[in-house]
Amino acid sequence: MDYLDIIVNGYVNEYEHFNKYLLREQKKAEANHYDAEEFFSKCIAVIERFKEDIEGQYNKRKGDIYLMRTLNPPLSDEEFISSMDDNKRTNYSINLYWATKYRYTGHLFYGHVLNIEYKIKECQEKVLINIPKENDLTPEIENKDIEKIWFKVGLLFATGEMEKYYNTSHNGMNESYSAPKIAKEFNLPEGVKYILGTFNEYANDKNIFANKNKITKIKEYCQKNNIKVIDSFST
């Protein structure tokens, strides 16, 4: 099976209904004697290759920044720190034209890759997890939470994808951005209020950091799925 095509076609043509699309594809695979565990592991493998590609781009840029410190004249300390701060994984993307050997066009940015990974794992849990472990959230409760917009936005804060949008004091949004612009970058138009509320530290339910229960659920999900959480989200 062409798992790369399954993932990219779902993103390009079925994004709004990606979960339903992927579950249909899993049923097709099952009819061809591919079990669910194999199907989802191969889908995740595609995502891992995307992440490795972007990680390579990110590390190359980091290496270039260090190299510029050895030039004559070298980067100043201020320029070095600024360049390192600006070097975020969300700056980089997968060129679908080359990745799919000319079948698709466009770019798949890091935030999109994480979002697709999240959706794949949603489907994987729905199919594979039938009996919850003791002290775990039940699949019904967990799936109900992870489908909500606040959870998707909170996950971006937890993994550090929102760090580049903070101002230099880390107490609000960088004036170069807006909540609608950020939401558009991550294809989460419904998340504007949560992005705005969290950056501005509103004292209401739109500020994810103001709700300890939400923070706990996001951290538990990340721990369960081996997703790294940045220190500032954990404290």
Protein backbone atom coordinates (compact mmCIF):
# COMPACT_ATOMS: atom_id res chain seq x y z
CA MET A 1 0.00 0.00 0.00
CA ASP A 2 1.11 3.54 -0.71
CA TYR A 3 0.94 5.06 2.76
CA LEU A 4 2.55 8.29 1.61
CA ASP A 5 -0.25 8.79 -0.88
CA ILE A 6 -2.88 7.93 1.73
CA ILE A 7 -1.56 10.60 4.10
CA VAL A 8 -0.94 13.32 1.53
CA ASN A 9 -4.21 12.72 -0.33
CA GLY A 10 -6.06 12.92 2.98
CA TYR A 11 -4.34 16.20 3.83
CA VAL A 12 -4.83 17.77 0.39
CA ASN A 13 -8.33 16.55 -0.47
CA GLU A 14 -10.00 15.35 2.74
CA TYR A 15 -8.56 17.53 5.50
CA GLU A 16 -11.86 18.63 7.04
CA HIS A 17 -12.93 15.00 7.33
CA PHE A 18 -9.47 13.47 7.67
CA ASN A 19 -10.40 11.10 10.49
CA LYS A 20 -13.35 9.62 8.63
CA TYR A 21 -11.23 9.36 5.48
CA LEU A 22 -8.42 7.57 7.30
CA LEU A 23 -10.80 5.13 8.96
CA ARG A 24 -12.24 4.31 5.53
CA GLU A 25 -8.72 3.70 4.21
CA GLN A 26 -8.01 1.45 7.20
CA LYS A 27 -11.09 -0.61 6.36
CA LYS A 28 -9.88 -0.95 2.76
CA ALA A 29 -6.50 -2.11 4.04
CA GLU A 30 -8.19 -4.59 6.37
CA ALA A 31 -10.11 -6.02 3.41
CA ASN A 32 -6.73 -6.62 1.77
CA HIS A 33 -5.46 -8.48 4.87
CA TYR A 34 -3.50 -5.60 6.45
CA ASP A 35 -4.29 -5.50 10.16
CA ALA A 36 -5.05 -2.22 11.91
CA GLU A 37 -1.83 -2.15 13.92
CA GLU A 38 0.27 -2.44 10.76
CA PHE A 39 -1.81 0.16 8.92
CA PHE A 40 -1.47 2.83 11.58
CA SER A 41 2.21 2.10 12.27
CA LYS A 42 2.96 2.59 8.56
CA CYS A 43 1.01 5.86 8.55
CA ILE A 44 2.98 7.06 11.57
CA ALA A 45 6.19 6.02 9.80
CA VAL A 46 5.35 8.48 7.00
CA ILE A 47 4.92 11.23 9.57
CA GLU A 48 8.22 10.31 11.24
CA ARG A 49 10.00 10.69 7.89
CA PHE A 50 8.43 14.13 7.47
CA LYS A 51 9.55 15.12 10.97
CA GLU A 52 13.08 13.84 10.33
CA ASP A 53 13.23 15.88 7.12
CA ILE A 54 12.14 19.04 8.93
CA GLU A 55 14.50 18.30 11.81
CA GLY A 56 17.31 18.11 9.26
CA GLN A 57 16.35 21.51 7.83
CA TYR A 58 16.17 22.96 11.34
CA ASN A 59 19.57 21.58 12.35
CA LYS A 60 21.18 22.74 9.11
CA ARG A 61 20.05 26.28 9.78
CA LYS A 62 21.32 26.01 13.34
CA GLY A 63 24.70 24.88 12.01
CA ASP A 64 24.74 27.78 9.55
CA ILE A 65 24.10 30.23 12.38
CA TYR A 66 27.01 28.83 14.39
CA LEU A 67 29.18 28.99 11.26
CA MET A 68 28.38 32.68 10.83
CA ARG A 69 30.00 33.29 14.21
CA THR A 70 33.32 32.26 12.68
CA LEU A 71 33.10 34.66 9.73
CA ASN A 72 34.87 37.98 9.50
CA PRO A 73 33.11 39.98 10.75
CA PRO A 74 31.24 37.42 12.91
CA LEU A 75 27.67 37.68 14.08
CA SER A 76 27.35 39.80 17.17
CA ASP A 77 25.99 38.16 20.32
CA GLU A 78 22.70 39.97 19.80
CA GLU A 79 22.44 38.82 16.18
CA PHE A 80 23.36 35.27 17.17
CA ILE A 81 20.71 35.08 19.89
CA SER A 82 18.11 36.64 17.59
CA SER A 83 18.92 34.20 14.77
CA MET A 84 18.71 31.21 17.11
CA ASP A 85 15.41 32.42 18.54
CA ASP A 86 14.00 32.85 15.04
CA ASN A 87 15.06 29.35 14.01
CA LYS A 88 11.87 27.41 14.74
CA ARG A 89 10.76 24.09 13.32
CA THR A 90 7.53 25.79 12.28
CA ASN A 91 9.56 27.73 9.70
CA TYR A 92 10.22 24.58 7.70
CA SER A 93 8.09 22.39 5.47
CA ILE A 94 7.88 19.34 3.27
CA ASN A 95 7.79 20.18 -0.44
CA LEU A 96 5.01 17.88 -1.59
CA TYR A 97 6.01 18.17 -5.24
CA TRP A 98 9.34 16.48 -4.58
CA ALA A 99 8.22 14.26 -1.69
CA THR A 100 5.47 12.64 -3.76
CA LYS A 101 7.41 12.58 -7.04
CA TYR A 102 5.27 15.23 -8.73
CA ARG A 103 1.85 13.85 -7.73
CA TYR A 104 0.97 16.76 -5.45
CA THR A 105 1.97 20.40 -5.08
CA GLY A 106 2.22 22.70 -2.08
CA HIS A 107 3.99 22.56 1.25
CA LEU A 108 3.32 20.70 4.47
CA PHE A 109 4.60 22.80 7.36
CA TYR A 110 5.70 21.38 10.71
CA GLY A 111 2.50 22.45 12.45
CA HIS A 112 0.48 20.63 9.81
CA VAL A 113 2.64 17.51 10.22
CA LEU A 114 1.98 17.50 13.97
CA ASN A 115 -1.72 18.04 13.37
CA ILE A 116 -1.88 15.09 10.98
CA GLU A 117 0.07 12.93 13.43
CA TYR A 118 -2.42 13.87 16.11
CA LYS A 119 -5.34 12.90 13.84
CA ILE A 120 -3.74 9.56 12.94
CA LYS A 121 -3.29 8.74 16.63
CA GLU A 122 -6.90 9.70 17.28
CA CYS A 123 -7.99 7.11 14.71
CA GLN A 124 -5.47 4.57 15.98
CA GLU A 125 -6.80 4.83 19.52
CA LYS A 126 -10.39 4.60 18.32
CA VAL A 127 -9.67 1.36 16.49
CA LEU A 128 -7.09 -0.32 18.72
CA ILE A 129 -7.92 0.71 22.27
CA ASN A 130 -10.92 -1.17 23.63
CA ILE A 131 -10.13 -1.67 27.33
CA PRO A 132 -8.69 1.30 29.24
CA LYS A 133 -5.87 0.69 31.69
CA GLU A 134 -6.51 1.28 35.37
CA ASN A 135 -6.18 4.95 36.33
CA ASP A 136 -6.20 6.00 32.66
CA LEU A 137 -8.85 8.15 31.03
CA THR A 138 -11.35 5.98 29.22
CA PRO A 139 -11.06 6.10 25.41
CA GLU A 140 -14.45 7.83 25.24
CA ILE A 141 -13.38 10.65 27.54
CA GLU A 142 -9.97 11.00 25.93
CA ASN A 143 -11.33 11.08 22.40
CA LYS A 144 -13.95 13.59 23.44
CA ASP A 145 -11.23 15.89 24.76
CA ILE A 146 -8.70 15.59 21.95
CA GLU A 147 -11.30 16.48 19.35
CA LYS A 148 -11.91 19.86 20.99
CA ILE A 149 -10.32 23.06 19.72
CA TRP A 150 -8.90 24.03 23.11
CA PHE A 151 -7.00 20.73 23.20
CA LYS A 152 -5.54 21.22 19.71
CA VAL A 153 -4.42 24.78 20.53
CA GLY A 154 -3.09 23.69 23.93
CA LEU A 155 -1.05 20.95 22.28
CA LEU A 156 0.70 23.59 20.16
CA PHE A 157 1.61 25.53 23.30
CA ALA A 158 2.76 22.32 25.01
CA THR A 159 5.10 21.28 22.21
CA GLY A 160 6.63 24.74 21.82
CA GLU A 161 5.14 25.50 18.42
CA MET A 162 3.68 28.74 19.78
CA GLU A 163 6.99 30.00 21.20
CA LYS A 164 7.98 31.92 18.05
CA TYR A 165 4.84 34.05 18.32
CA TYR A 166 5.63 35.45 21.79
CA ASN A 167 7.11 38.91 22.23
CA THR A 168 10.66 39.27 23.58
CA SER A 169 9.41 39.47 27.18
CA HIS A 170 7.35 36.29 26.73
CA ASN A 171 4.30 37.96 28.22
CA GLY A 172 2.19 38.45 25.13
CA MET A 173 1.97 38.04 21.39
CA ASN A 174 4.62 39.46 19.08
CA GLU A 175 3.14 42.53 17.39
CA SER A 176 4.09 41.08 13.99
CA TYR A 177 1.39 38.42 14.44
CA SER A 178 -2.30 38.21 15.20
CA ALA A 179 -4.46 35.40 16.52
CA PRO A 180 -6.25 34.93 13.15
CA LYS A 181 -2.89 34.80 11.34
CA ILE A 182 -1.52 32.18 13.73
CA ALA A 183 -4.74 30.15 13.54
CA LYS A 184 -4.52 30.19 9.75
CA GLU A 185 -0.91 28.92 9.82
CA PHE A 186 -2.06 25.85 11.77
CA ASN A 187 -5.33 25.48 9.87
CA LEU A 188 -7.32 25.98 13.08
CA PRO A 189 -9.68 28.88 12.30
CA GLU A 190 -11.88 27.97 15.27
CA GLY A 191 -8.90 28.38 17.60
CA VAL A 192 -8.61 32.18 17.36
CA LYS A 193 -10.28 32.87 20.72
CA TYR A 194 -8.12 30.30 22.53
CA ILE A 195 -4.92 31.58 20.93
CA LEU A 196 -5.81 35.17 21.83
CA GLY A 197 -6.98 34.30 25.33
CA THR A 198 -3.90 32.25 26.15
CA PHE A 199 -1.37 34.75 24.82
CA ASN A 200 -3.12 37.63 26.61
CA GLU A 201 -3.66 35.58 29.80
CA TYR A 202 -7.39 36.28 29.96
CA ALA A 203 -9.09 35.32 33.18
CA ASN A 204 -11.64 33.09 31.44
CA ASP A 205 -11.99 29.68 29.83
CA LYS A 206 -10.29 30.85 26.62
CA ASN A 207 -6.95 30.99 28.46
CA ILE A 208 -5.70 27.40 28.46
CA PHE A 209 -3.12 28.12 31.16
CA ALA A 210 -5.90 29.28 33.49
CA ASN A 211 -7.44 25.81 33.58
CA LYS A 212 -5.36 23.25 35.48
CA ASN A 213 -7.63 20.41 34.37
CA LYS A 214 -6.98 21.20 30.71
CA ILE A 215 -3.23 21.45 31.30
CA THR A 216 -3.25 18.09 33.06
CA LYS A 217 -5.13 16.38 30.24
CA ILE A 218 -2.76 17.77 27.62
CA LYS A 219 0.31 16.70 29.61
CA GLU A 220 -1.11 13.21 30.17
CA TYR A 221 -1.82 12.86 26.45
CA CYS A 222 1.72 13.95 25.58
CA GLN A 223 3.25 11.59 28.11
CA LYS A 224 1.16 8.68 26.84
CA ASN A 225 2.14 9.37 23.22
CA ASN A 226 5.82 10.20 23.87
CA ILE A 227 5.39 13.83 22.80
CA LYS A 228 7.98 16.17 24.29
CA VAL A 229 6.56 19.03 26.35
CA ILE A 230 8.54 22.24 26.79
CA ASP A 231 9.58 23.22 30.32
CA SER A 232 7.50 26.40 30.46
CA PHE A 233 4.32 24.38 29.86
CA SER A 234 5.17 21.86 32.57
CA THR A 235 5.81 24.37 35.36
